[in-house]
Amino acid sequence: GISVHYFAFPRAGADSDVGKNMQSIWSVADRKAAFDNAYKGNSI
């Protein structure tokens, strides 16, 4: 019964490579699909 609302916090900073990749995730129409894809280790 716990809903999870995710927010980006790239540990190396918003301008890091991870930060830029997370910006890509948040910029697409289907964010959840891109988010799941990233956590599976697939390319972004």
PDB file of all heavy atoms in Angstrom:
ATOM      1  N   GLY A   1       0.796  -1.229   0.000  1.00  0.00           N
ATOM      2  CA  GLY A   1       0.000   0.000   0.000  1.00  0.00           C
ATOM      3  C   GLY A   1       0.822   1.268   0.000  1.00  0.00           C
ATOM      4  O   GLY A   1       0.301   2.355   0.264  1.00  0.00           O
ATOM      5  N   ILE A   2       2.119   1.140  -0.296  1.00  0.00           N
ATOM      6  CA  ILE A   2       3.015   2.303  -0.306  1.00  0.00           C
ATOM      7  C   ILE A   2       3.283   2.727  -1.744  1.00  0.00           C
ATOM      8  O   ILE A   2       3.925   2.004  -2.507  1.00  0.00           O
ATOM      9  CB  ILE A   2       4.351   1.982   0.386  1.00  0.00           C
ATOM     10  CG1 ILE A   2       4.129   1.465   1.804  1.00  0.00           C
ATOM     11  CG2 ILE A   2       5.254   3.219   0.397  1.00  0.00           C
ATOM     12  CD1 ILE A   2       5.389   0.913   2.464  1.00  0.00           C
ATOM     13  N   SER A   3       2.781   3.881  -2.125  1.00  0.00           N
ATOM     14  CA  SER A   3       3.100   4.449  -3.441  1.00  0.00           C
ATOM     15  C   SER A   3       4.463   5.131  -3.358  1.00  0.00           C
ATOM     16  O   SER A   3       4.791   5.771  -2.347  1.00  0.00           O
ATOM     17  CB  SER A   3       2.040   5.463  -3.877  1.00  0.00           C
ATOM     18  OG  SER A   3       0.817   4.817  -4.145  1.00  0.00           O
ATOM     19  N   VAL A   4       5.236   5.001  -4.427  1.00  0.00           N
ATOM     20  CA  VAL A   4       6.584   5.563  -4.449  1.00  0.00           C
ATOM     21  C   VAL A   4       6.665   6.654  -5.515  1.00  0.00           C
ATOM     22  O   VAL A   4       6.373   6.403  -6.687  1.00  0.00           O
ATOM     23  CB  VAL A   4       7.639   4.471  -4.739  1.00  0.00           C
ATOM     24  CG1 VAL A   4       9.032   5.090  -4.805  1.00  0.00           C
ATOM     25  CG2 VAL A   4       7.593   3.388  -3.667  1.00  0.00           C
ATOM     26  N   HIS A   5       7.038   7.856  -5.092  1.00  0.00           N
ATOM     27  CA  HIS A   5       7.250   8.979  -5.999  1.00  0.00           C
ATOM     28  C   HIS A   5       8.752   9.231  -6.087  1.00  0.00           C
ATOM     29  O   HIS A   5       9.385   9.604  -5.100  1.00  0.00           O
ATOM     30  CB  HIS A   5       6.536  10.238  -5.488  1.00  0.00           C
ATOM     31  CG  HIS A   5       5.040  10.157  -5.558  1.00  0.00           C
ATOM     32  ND1 HIS A   5       4.230  11.271  -5.582  1.00  0.00           N
ATOM     33  CD2 HIS A   5       4.201   9.084  -5.630  1.00  0.00           C
ATOM     34  CE1 HIS A   5       2.965  10.891  -5.659  1.00  0.00           C
ATOM     35  NE2 HIS A   5       2.929   9.570  -5.678  1.00  0.00           N
ATOM     36  N   TYR A   6       9.312   9.012  -7.272  1.00  0.00           N
ATOM     37  CA  TYR A   6      10.756   9.127  -7.443  1.00  0.00           C
ATOM     38  C   TYR A   6      11.171  10.527  -7.884  1.00  0.00           C
ATOM     39  O   TYR A   6      10.519  11.165  -8.730  1.00  0.00           O
ATOM     40  CB  TYR A   6      11.229   8.140  -8.508  1.00  0.00           C
ATOM     41  CG  TYR A   6      11.463   6.725  -8.025  1.00  0.00           C
ATOM     42  CD1 TYR A   6      10.706   5.669  -8.525  1.00  0.00           C
ATOM     43  CD2 TYR A   6      12.460   6.438  -7.102  1.00  0.00           C
ATOM     44  CE1 TYR A   6      10.927   4.360  -8.110  1.00  0.00           C
ATOM     45  CE2 TYR A   6      12.690   5.133  -6.677  1.00  0.00           C
ATOM     46  CZ  TYR A   6      11.925   4.100  -7.188  1.00  0.00           C
ATOM     47  OH  TYR A   6      12.149   2.810  -6.774  1.00  0.00           O
ATOM     48  N   PHE A   7      12.322  10.965  -7.353  1.00  0.00           N
ATOM     49  CA  PHE A   7      12.951  12.218  -7.754  1.00  0.00           C
ATOM     50  C   PHE A   7      14.437  11.966  -7.988  1.00  0.00           C
ATOM     51  O   PHE A   7      15.034  11.090  -7.362  1.00  0.00           O
ATOM     52  CB  PHE A   7      12.760  13.300  -6.684  1.00  0.00           C
ATOM     53  CG  PHE A   7      11.316  13.640  -6.446  1.00  0.00           C
ATOM     54  CD1 PHE A   7      10.584  12.974  -5.474  1.00  0.00           C
ATOM     55  CD2 PHE A   7      10.673  14.598  -7.223  1.00  0.00           C
ATOM     56  CE1 PHE A   7       9.247  13.248  -5.265  1.00  0.00           C
ATOM     57  CE2 PHE A   7       9.325  14.884  -7.022  1.00  0.00           C
ATOM     58  CZ  PHE A   7       8.614  14.212  -6.043  1.00  0.00           C
ATOM     59  N   ALA A   8      15.015  12.747  -8.876  1.00  0.00           N
ATOM     60  CA  ALA A   8      16.415  12.549  -9.252  1.00  0.00           C
ATOM     61  C   ALA A   8      17.367  13.212  -8.263  1.00  0.00           C
ATOM     62  O   ALA A   8      17.179  14.374  -7.893  1.00  0.00           O
ATOM     63  CB  ALA A   8      16.657  13.113 -10.654  1.00  0.00           C
ATOM     64  N   PHE A   9      18.368  12.439  -7.856  1.00  0.00           N
ATOM     65  CA  PHE A   9      19.442  13.002  -7.033  1.00  0.00           C
ATOM     66  C   PHE A   9      20.757  12.335  -7.443  1.00  0.00           C
ATOM     67  O   PHE A   9      21.252  11.433  -6.760  1.00  0.00           O
ATOM     68  CB  PHE A   9      19.188  12.794  -5.539  1.00  0.00           C
ATOM     69  CG  PHE A   9      20.108  13.624  -4.677  1.00  0.00           C
ATOM     70  CD1 PHE A   9      19.797  14.943  -4.376  1.00  0.00           C
ATOM     71  CD2 PHE A   9      21.293  13.096  -4.193  1.00  0.00           C
ATOM     72  CE1 PHE A   9      20.651  15.712  -3.596  1.00  0.00           C
ATOM     73  CE2 PHE A   9      22.155  13.859  -3.419  1.00  0.00           C
ATOM     74  CZ  PHE A   9      21.835  15.171  -3.110  1.00  0.00           C
ATOM     75  N   PRO A  10      21.310  12.744  -8.618  1.00  0.00           N
ATOM     76  CA  PRO A  10      22.597  12.182  -9.048  1.00  0.00           C
ATOM     77  C   PRO A  10      23.688  12.585  -8.061  1.00  0.00           C
ATOM     78  O   PRO A  10      23.922  13.775  -7.842  1.00  0.00           O
ATOM     79  CB  PRO A  10      22.811  12.821 -10.422  1.00  0.00           C
ATOM     80  CG  PRO A  10      21.972  14.069 -10.410  1.00  0.00           C
ATOM     81  CD  PRO A  10      20.800  13.760  -9.546  1.00  0.00           C
ATOM     82  N   ARG A  11      24.323  11.615  -7.458  1.00  0.00           N
ATOM     83  CA  ARG A  11      25.263  11.893  -6.366  1.00  0.00           C
ATOM     84  C   ARG A  11      26.448  12.736  -6.800  1.00  0.00           C
ATOM     85  O   ARG A  11      27.018  13.483  -6.005  1.00  0.00           O
ATOM     86  CB  ARG A  11      25.742  10.571  -5.750  1.00  0.00           C
ATOM     87  CG  ARG A  11      24.646   9.804  -5.028  1.00  0.00           C
ATOM     88  CD  ARG A  11      25.085   8.402  -4.679  1.00  0.00           C
ATOM     89  NE  ARG A  11      25.345   7.610  -5.890  1.00  0.00           N
ATOM     90  CZ  ARG A  11      25.935   6.415  -5.886  1.00  0.00           C
ATOM     91  NH1 ARG A  11      26.321   5.888  -4.735  1.00  0.00           N
ATOM     92  NH2 ARG A  11      26.121   5.757  -7.011  1.00  0.00           N
ATOM     93  N   ALA A  12      26.815  12.635  -8.075  1.00  0.00           N
ATOM     94  CA  ALA A  12      27.958  13.416  -8.577  1.00  0.00           C
ATOM     95  C   ALA A  12      27.546  14.812  -9.025  1.00  0.00           C
ATOM     96  O   ALA A  12      28.391  15.592  -9.483  1.00  0.00           O
ATOM     97  CB  ALA A  12      28.618  12.668  -9.735  1.00  0.00           C
ATOM     98  N   GLY A  13      26.277  15.136  -8.890  1.00  0.00           N
ATOM     99  CA  GLY A  13      25.803  16.470  -9.248  1.00  0.00           C
ATOM    100  C   GLY A  13      24.925  16.463 -10.489  1.00  0.00           C
ATOM    101  O   GLY A  13      24.981  15.548 -11.307  1.00  0.00           O
ATOM    102  N   ALA A  14      24.131  17.513 -10.611  1.00  0.00           N
ATOM    103  CA  ALA A  14      23.185  17.603 -11.727  1.00  0.00           C
ATOM    104  C   ALA A  14      23.875  17.702 -13.080  1.00  0.00           C
ATOM    105  O   ALA A  14      23.309  17.308 -14.105  1.00  0.00           O
ATOM    106  CB  ALA A  14      22.265  18.807 -11.520  1.00  0.00           C
ATOM    107  N   ASP A  15      25.099  18.236 -13.105  1.00  0.00           N
ATOM    108  CA  ASP A  15      25.828  18.414 -14.368  1.00  0.00           C
ATOM    109  C   ASP A  15      26.729  17.229 -14.708  1.00  0.00           C
ATOM    110  O   ASP A  15      27.443  17.269 -15.709  1.00  0.00           O
ATOM    111  CB  ASP A  15      26.662  19.698 -14.321  1.00  0.00           C
ATOM    112  CG  ASP A  15      25.796  20.954 -14.243  1.00  0.00           C
ATOM    113  OD1 ASP A  15      24.697  20.933 -14.835  1.00  0.00           O
ATOM    114  OD2 ASP A  15      26.209  21.922 -13.588  1.00  0.00           O
ATOM    115  N   SER A  16      26.710  16.191 -13.881  1.00  0.00           N
ATOM    116  CA  SER A  16      27.535  15.009 -14.132  1.00  0.00           C
ATOM    117  C   SER A  16      26.922  14.181 -15.258  1.00  0.00           C
ATOM    118  O   SER A  16      25.804  14.444 -15.716  1.00  0.00           O
ATOM    119  CB  SER A  16      27.617  14.156 -12.864  1.00  0.00           C
ATOM    120  OG  SER A  16      26.324  13.644 -12.530  1.00  0.00           O
ATOM    121  N   ASP A  17      27.655  13.174 -15.710  1.00  0.00           N
ATOM    122  CA  ASP A  17      27.119  12.290 -16.752  1.00  0.00           C
ATOM    123  C   ASP A  17      25.833  11.610 -16.288  1.00  0.00           C
ATOM    124  O   ASP A  17      24.872  11.477 -17.052  1.00  0.00           O
ATOM    125  CB  ASP A  17      28.160  11.230 -17.143  1.00  0.00           C
ATOM    126  CG  ASP A  17      29.321  11.823 -17.939  1.00  0.00           C
ATOM    127  OD1 ASP A  17      29.157  12.936 -18.489  1.00  0.00           O
ATOM    128  OD2 ASP A  17      30.376  11.175 -18.017  1.00  0.00           O
ATOM    129  N   VAL A  18      25.844  11.165 -15.028  1.00  0.00           N
ATOM    130  CA  VAL A  18      24.629  10.540 -14.478  1.00  0.00           C
ATOM    131  C   VAL A  18      23.492  11.556 -14.442  1.00  0.00           C
ATOM    132  O   VAL A  18      22.343  11.245 -14.771  1.00  0.00           O
ATOM    133  CB  VAL A  18      24.897   9.968 -13.070  1.00  0.00           C
ATOM    134  CG1 VAL A  18      23.597   9.490 -12.423  1.00  0.00           C
ATOM    135  CG2 VAL A  18      25.893   8.823 -13.142  1.00  0.00           C
ATOM    136  N   GLY A  19      23.804  12.786 -14.048  1.00  0.00           N
ATOM    137  CA  GLY A  19      22.797  13.834 -14.016  1.00  0.00           C
ATOM    138  C   GLY A  19      22.196  14.090 -15.389  1.00  0.00           C
ATOM    139  O   GLY A  19      20.979  14.249 -15.540  1.00  0.00           O
ATOM    140  N   LYS A  20      23.055  14.106 -16.400  1.00  0.00           N
ATOM    141  CA  LYS A  20      22.580  14.328 -17.771  1.00  0.00           C
ATOM    142  C   LYS A  20      21.714  13.158 -18.240  1.00  0.00           C
ATOM    143  O   LYS A  20      20.709  13.351 -18.936  1.00  0.00           O
ATOM    144  CB  LYS A  20      23.766  14.534 -18.701  1.00  0.00           C
ATOM    145  CG  LYS A  20      24.506  15.850 -18.441  1.00  0.00           C
ATOM    146  CD  LYS A  20      25.780  15.952 -19.263  1.00  0.00           C
ATOM    147  CE  LYS A  20      26.537  17.238 -18.936  1.00  0.00           C
ATOM    148  NZ  LYS A  20      27.841  17.322 -19.642  1.00  0.00           N
ATOM    149  N   ASN A  21      22.106  11.953 -17.855  1.00  0.00           N
ATOM    150  CA  ASN A  21      21.294  10.789 -18.217  1.00  0.00           C
ATOM    151  C   ASN A  21      19.930  10.820 -17.516  1.00  0.00           C
ATOM    152  O   ASN A  21      18.907  10.448 -18.104  1.00  0.00           O
ATOM    153  CB  ASN A  21      22.031   9.499 -17.857  1.00  0.00           C
ATOM    154  CG  ASN A  21      23.118   9.148 -18.845  1.00  0.00           C
ATOM    155  OD1 ASN A  21      23.082   9.579 -19.999  1.00  0.00           O
ATOM    156  ND2 ASN A  21      24.099   8.370 -18.412  1.00  0.00           N
ATOM    157  N   MET A  22      19.941  11.271 -16.278  1.00  0.00           N
ATOM    158  CA  MET A  22      18.662  11.353 -15.555  1.00  0.00           C
ATOM    159  C   MET A  22      17.783  12.459 -16.144  1.00  0.00           C
ATOM    160  O   MET A  22      16.556  12.329 -16.191  1.00  0.00           O
ATOM    161  CB  MET A  22      18.912  11.564 -14.054  1.00  0.00           C
ATOM    162  CG  MET A  22      19.639  10.395 -13.405  1.00  0.00           C
ATOM    163  SD  MET A  22      19.649  10.409 -11.598  1.00  0.00           S
ATOM    164  CE  MET A  22      18.090   9.598 -11.238  1.00  0.00           C
ATOM    165  N   GLN A  23      18.393  13.523 -16.629  1.00  0.00           N
ATOM    166  CA  GLN A  23      17.645  14.560 -17.324  1.00  0.00           C
ATOM    167  C   GLN A  23      16.986  13.976 -18.579  1.00  0.00           C
ATOM    168  O   GLN A  23      15.849  14.307 -18.914  1.00  0.00           O
ATOM    169  CB  GLN A  23      18.549  15.733 -17.691  1.00  0.00           C
ATOM    170  CG  GLN A  23      17.892  16.832 -18.519  1.00  0.00           C
ATOM    171  CD  GLN A  23      16.812  17.603 -17.774  1.00  0.00           C
ATOM    172  OE1 GLN A  23      16.760  17.603 -16.551  1.00  0.00           O
ATOM    173  NE2 GLN A  23      15.922  18.256 -18.522  1.00  0.00           N
ATOM    174  N   SER A  24      17.704  13.076 -19.251  1.00  0.00           N
ATOM    175  CA  SER A  24      17.138  12.399 -20.425  1.00  0.00           C
ATOM    176  C   SER A  24      15.916  11.575 -20.041  1.00  0.00           C
ATOM    177  O   SER A  24      14.901  11.566 -20.753  1.00  0.00           O
ATOM    178  CB  SER A  24      18.193  11.497 -21.084  1.00  0.00           C
ATOM    179  OG  SER A  24      19.246  12.257 -21.652  1.00  0.00           O
ATOM    180  N   ILE A  25      16.021  10.876 -18.912  1.00  0.00           N
ATOM    181  CA  ILE A  25      14.895  10.053 -18.441  1.00  0.00           C
ATOM    182  C   ILE A  25      13.666  10.923 -18.201  1.00  0.00           C
ATOM    183  O   ILE A  25      12.553  10.592 -18.603  1.00  0.00           O
ATOM    184  CB  ILE A  25      15.282   9.299 -17.154  1.00  0.00           C
ATOM    185  CG1 ILE A  25      16.358   8.251 -17.451  1.00  0.00           C
ATOM    186  CG2 ILE A  25      14.054   8.650 -16.509  1.00  0.00           C
ATOM    187  CD1 ILE A  25      16.968   7.625 -16.206  1.00  0.00           C
ATOM    188  N   TRP A  26      13.880  12.051 -17.544  1.00  0.00           N
ATOM    189  CA  TRP A  26      12.757  12.930 -17.199  1.00  0.00           C
ATOM    190  C   TRP A  26      12.228  13.719 -18.403  1.00  0.00           C
ATOM    191  O   TRP A  26      11.167  14.306 -18.331  1.00  0.00           O
ATOM    192  CB  TRP A  26      13.163  13.881 -16.069  1.00  0.00           C
ATOM    193  CG  TRP A  26      12.620  13.477 -14.743  1.00  0.00           C
ATOM    194  CD1 TRP A  26      11.498  13.961 -14.134  1.00  0.00           C
ATOM    195  CD2 TRP A  26      13.152  12.506 -13.838  1.00  0.00           C
ATOM    196  NE1 TRP A  26      11.300  13.351 -12.913  1.00  0.00           N
ATOM    197  CE2 TRP A  26      12.307  12.457 -12.700  1.00  0.00           C
ATOM    198  CE3 TRP A  26      14.275  11.666 -13.866  1.00  0.00           C
ATOM    199  CZ2 TRP A  26      12.534  11.606 -11.623  1.00  0.00           C
ATOM    200  CZ3 TRP A  26      14.506  10.836 -12.792  1.00  0.00           C
ATOM    201  CH2 TRP A  26      13.645  10.797 -11.695  1.00  0.00           C
ATOM    202  N   SER A  27      12.982  13.711 -19.506  1.00  0.00           N
ATOM    203  CA  SER A  27      12.603  14.513 -20.674  1.00  0.00           C
ATOM    204  C   SER A  27      11.756  13.773 -21.699  1.00  0.00           C
ATOM    205  O   SER A  27      11.202  14.394 -22.605  1.00  0.00           O
ATOM    206  CB  SER A  27      13.866  15.056 -21.368  1.00  0.00           C
ATOM    207  OG  SER A  27      14.595  15.915 -20.513  1.00  0.00           O
ATOM    208  N   VAL A  28      11.662  12.443 -21.572  1.00  0.00           N
ATOM    209  CA  VAL A  28      10.913  11.669 -22.573  1.00  0.00           C
ATOM    210  C   VAL A  28       9.450  11.540 -22.168  1.00  0.00           C
ATOM    211  O   VAL A  28       9.081  11.759 -21.013  1.00  0.00           O
ATOM    212  CB  VAL A  28      11.538  10.264 -22.776  1.00  0.00           C
ATOM    213  CG1 VAL A  28      12.966  10.399 -23.299  1.00  0.00           C
ATOM    214  CG2 VAL A  28      11.509   9.458 -21.486  1.00  0.00           C
ATOM    215  N   ALA A  29       8.634  11.165 -23.130  1.00  0.00           N
ATOM    216  CA  ALA A  29       7.194  11.050 -22.882  1.00  0.00           C
ATOM    217  C   ALA A  29       6.877   9.939 -21.886  1.00  0.00           C
ATOM    218  O   ALA A  29       6.057  10.103 -20.976  1.00  0.00           O
ATOM    219  CB  ALA A  29       6.460  10.815 -24.195  1.00  0.00           C
ATOM    220  N   ASP A  30       7.529   8.786 -22.058  1.00  0.00           N
ATOM    221  CA  ASP A  30       7.287   7.646 -21.166  1.00  0.00           C
ATOM    222  C   ASP A  30       8.436   7.552 -20.164  1.00  0.00           C
ATOM    223  O   ASP A  30       9.383   6.775 -20.339  1.00  0.00           O
ATOM    224  CB  ASP A  30       7.167   6.352 -21.972  1.00  0.00           C
ATOM    225  CG  ASP A  30       6.623   5.193 -21.135  1.00  0.00           C
ATOM    226  OD1 ASP A  30       6.597   5.312 -19.895  1.00  0.00           O
ATOM    227  OD2 ASP A  30       6.220   4.171 -21.734  1.00  0.00           O
ATOM    228  N   ARG A  31       8.344   8.338 -19.127  1.00  0.00           N
ATOM    229  CA  ARG A  31       9.417   8.389 -18.130  1.00  0.00           C
ATOM    230  C   ARG A  31       9.595   7.057 -17.405  1.00  0.00           C
ATOM    231  O   ARG A  31      10.722   6.642 -17.132  1.00  0.00           O
ATOM    232  CB  ARG A  31       9.124   9.489 -17.098  1.00  0.00           C
ATOM    233  CG  ARG A  31       9.176  10.900 -17.640  1.00  0.00           C
ATOM    234  CD  ARG A  31       8.765  11.889 -16.559  1.00  0.00           C
ATOM    235  NE  ARG A  31       8.816  13.257 -17.031  1.00  0.00           N
ATOM    236  CZ  ARG A  31       8.384  14.299 -16.316  1.00  0.00           C
ATOM    237  NH1 ARG A  31       7.847  14.103 -15.123  1.00  0.00           N
ATOM    238  NH2 ARG A  31       8.465  15.517 -16.811  1.00  0.00           N
ATOM    239  N   LYS A  32       8.492   6.417 -17.076  1.00  0.00           N
ATOM    240  CA  LYS A  32       8.584   5.165 -16.316  1.00  0.00           C
ATOM    241  C   LYS A  32       9.338   4.096 -17.088  1.00  0.00           C
ATOM    242  O   LYS A  32      10.165   3.369 -16.522  1.00  0.00           O
ATOM    243  CB  LYS A  32       7.190   4.663 -15.938  1.00  0.00           C
ATOM    244  CG  LYS A  32       6.577   5.399 -14.772  1.00  0.00           C
ATOM    245  CD  LYS A  32       5.195   4.882 -14.424  1.00  0.00           C
ATOM    246  CE  LYS A  32       5.255   3.591 -13.674  1.00  0.00           C
ATOM    247  NZ  LYS A  32       3.932   3.185 -13.138  1.00  0.00           N
ATOM    248  N   ALA A  33       9.082   4.006 -18.387  1.00  0.00           N
ATOM    249  CA  ALA A  33       9.779   3.018 -19.210  1.00  0.00           C
ATOM    250  C   ALA A  33      11.269   3.324 -19.254  1.00  0.00           C
ATOM    251  O   ALA A  33      12.106   2.420 -19.127  1.00  0.00           O
ATOM    252  CB  ALA A  33       9.196   3.002 -20.626  1.00  0.00           C
ATOM    253  N   ALA A  34      11.616   4.602 -19.403  1.00  0.00           N
ATOM    254  CA  ALA A  34      13.024   5.006 -19.439  1.00  0.00           C
ATOM    255  C   ALA A  34      13.687   4.784 -18.080  1.00  0.00           C
ATOM    256  O   ALA A  34      14.846   4.366 -17.994  1.00  0.00           O
ATOM    257  CB  ALA A  34      13.134   6.474 -19.846  1.00  0.00           C
ATOM    258  N   PHE A  35      12.934   5.027 -17.020  1.00  0.00           N
ATOM    259  CA  PHE A  35      13.430   4.845 -15.652  1.00  0.00           C
ATOM    260  C   PHE A  35      13.717   3.369 -15.387  1.00  0.00           C
ATOM    261  O   PHE A  35      14.801   2.998 -14.914  1.00  0.00           O
ATOM    262  CB  PHE A  35      12.371   5.376 -14.686  1.00  0.00           C
ATOM    263  CG  PHE A  35      12.804   5.481 -13.252  1.00  0.00           C
ATOM    264  CD1 PHE A  35      13.482   6.597 -12.802  1.00  0.00           C
ATOM    265  CD2 PHE A  35      12.506   4.480 -12.338  1.00  0.00           C
ATOM    266  CE1 PHE A  35      13.866   6.712 -11.468  1.00  0.00           C
ATOM    267  CE2 PHE A  35      12.882   4.579 -11.014  1.00  0.00           C
ATOM    268  CZ  PHE A  35      13.558   5.699 -10.575  1.00  0.00           C
ATOM    269  N   ASP A  36      12.746   2.516 -15.714  1.00  0.00           N
ATOM    270  CA  ASP A  36      12.927   1.069 -15.540  1.00  0.00           C
ATOM    271  C   ASP A  36      14.107   0.570 -16.362  1.00  0.00           C
ATOM    272  O   ASP A  36      14.892  -0.273 -15.895  1.00  0.00           O
ATOM    273  CB  ASP A  36      11.662   0.320 -15.959  1.00  0.00           C
ATOM    274  CG  ASP A  36      10.508   0.522 -14.990  1.00  0.00           C
ATOM    275  OD1 ASP A  36      10.763   0.829 -13.821  1.00  0.00           O
ATOM    276  OD2 ASP A  36       9.351   0.365 -15.427  1.00  0.00           O
ATOM    277  N   ASN A  37      14.233   1.079 -17.550  1.00  0.00           N
ATOM    278  CA  ASN A  37      15.313   0.686 -18.457  1.00  0.00           C
ATOM    279  C   ASN A  37      16.673   1.001 -17.847  1.00  0.00           C
ATOM    280  O   ASN A  37      17.605   0.190 -17.902  1.00  0.00           O
ATOM    281  CB  ASN A  37      15.146   1.413 -19.796  1.00  0.00           C
ATOM    282  CG  ASN A  37      16.057   0.856 -20.868  1.00  0.00           C
ATOM    283  OD1 ASN A  37      16.066  -0.342 -21.128  1.00  0.00           O
ATOM    284  ND2 ASN A  37      16.827   1.724 -21.502  1.00  0.00           N
ATOM    285  N   ALA A  38      16.792   2.180 -17.252  1.00  0.00           N
ATOM    286  CA  ALA A  38      18.059   2.597 -16.637  1.00  0.00           C
ATOM    287  C   ALA A  38      18.423   1.692 -15.462  1.00  0.00           C
ATOM    288  O   ALA A  38      19.589   1.321 -15.282  1.00  0.00           O
ATOM    289  CB  ALA A  38      17.961   4.046 -16.171  1.00  0.00           C
ATOM    290  N   TYR A  39      17.429   1.307 -14.669  1.00  0.00           N
ATOM    291  CA  TYR A  39      17.698   0.471 -13.498  1.00  0.00           C
ATOM    292  C   TYR A  39      18.001  -0.977 -13.862  1.00  0.00           C
ATOM    293  O   TYR A  39      18.519  -1.727 -13.044  1.00  0.00           O
ATOM    294  CB  TYR A  39      16.544   0.568 -12.496  1.00  0.00           C
ATOM    295  CG  TYR A  39      16.674   1.797 -11.634  1.00  0.00           C
ATOM    296  CD1 TYR A  39      16.251   3.034 -12.093  1.00  0.00           C
ATOM    297  CD2 TYR A  39      17.277   1.736 -10.386  1.00  0.00           C
ATOM    298  CE1 TYR A  39      16.413   4.174 -11.329  1.00  0.00           C
ATOM    299  CE2 TYR A  39      17.449   2.865  -9.612  1.00  0.00           C
ATOM    300  CZ  TYR A  39      17.012   4.084 -10.084  1.00  0.00           C
ATOM    301  OH  TYR A  39      17.184   5.214  -9.332  1.00  0.00           O
ATOM    302  N   LYS A  40      17.707  -1.333 -15.104  1.00  0.00           N
ATOM    303  CA  LYS A  40      18.084  -2.662 -15.594  1.00  0.00           C
ATOM    304  C   LYS A  40      19.491  -2.657 -16.169  1.00  0.00           C
ATOM    305  O   LYS A  40      20.004  -3.697 -16.595  1.00  0.00           O
ATOM    306  CB  LYS A  40      17.094  -3.121 -16.657  1.00  0.00           C
ATOM    307  CG  LYS A  40      15.710  -3.440 -16.106  1.00  0.00           C
ATOM    308  CD  LYS A  40      14.728  -3.751 -17.236  1.00  0.00           C
ATOM    309  CE  LYS A  40      13.334  -4.020 -16.687  1.00  0.00           C
ATOM    310  NZ  LYS A  40      12.348  -4.228 -17.784  1.00  0.00           N
ATOM    311  N   GLY A  41      20.113  -1.477 -16.185  1.00  0.00           N
ATOM    312  CA  GLY A  41      21.482  -1.368 -16.686  1.00  0.00           C
ATOM    313  C   GLY A  41      21.581  -1.160 -18.177  1.00  0.00           C
ATOM    314  O   GLY A  41      22.677  -1.249 -18.746  1.00  0.00           O
ATOM    315  N   ASN A  42      20.456  -0.876 -18.823  1.00  0.00           N
ATOM    316  CA  ASN A  42      20.461  -0.653 -20.263  1.00  0.00           C
ATOM    317  C   ASN A  42      20.885   0.778 -20.590  1.00  0.00           C
ATOM    318  O   ASN A  42      20.875   1.660 -19.727  1.00  0.00           O
ATOM    319  CB  ASN A  42      19.078  -0.931 -20.850  1.00  0.00           C
ATOM    320  CG  ASN A  42      18.652  -2.374 -20.652  1.00  0.00           C
ATOM    321  OD1 ASN A  42      19.488  -3.275 -20.667  1.00  0.00           O
ATOM    322  ND2 ASN A  42      17.365  -2.614 -20.455  1.00  0.00           N
ATOM    323  N   SER A  43      21.247   0.990 -21.840  1.00  0.00           N
ATOM    324  CA  SER A  43      21.691   2.323 -22.260  1.00  0.00           C
ATOM    325  C   SER A  43      20.516   3.297 -22.240  1.00  0.00           C
ATOM    326  O   SER A  43      19.350   2.906 -22.384  1.00  0.00           O
ATOM    327  CB  SER A  43      22.286   2.268 -23.663  1.00  0.00           C
ATOM    328  OG  SER A  43      21.336   1.785 -24.602  1.00  0.00           O
ATOM    329  N   ILE A  44      20.848   4.566 -22.040  1.00  0.00           N
ATOM    330  CA  ILE A  44      19.835   5.614 -21.943  1.00  0.00           C
ATOM    331  C   ILE A  44      19.916   6.498 -23.181  1.00  0.00           C
ATOM    332  O   ILE A  44      20.975   7.048 -23.497  1.00  0.00           O
ATOM    333  CB  ILE A  44      20.053   6.457 -20.667  1.00  0.00           C
ATOM    334  CG1 ILE A  44      19.944   5.557 -19.426  1.00  0.00           C
ATOM    335  CG2 ILE A  44      19.061   7.606 -20.592  1.00  0.00           C
ATOM    336  CD1 ILE A  44      20.399   6.213 -18.145  1.00  0.00           C
TER     337      ILE A  44
END
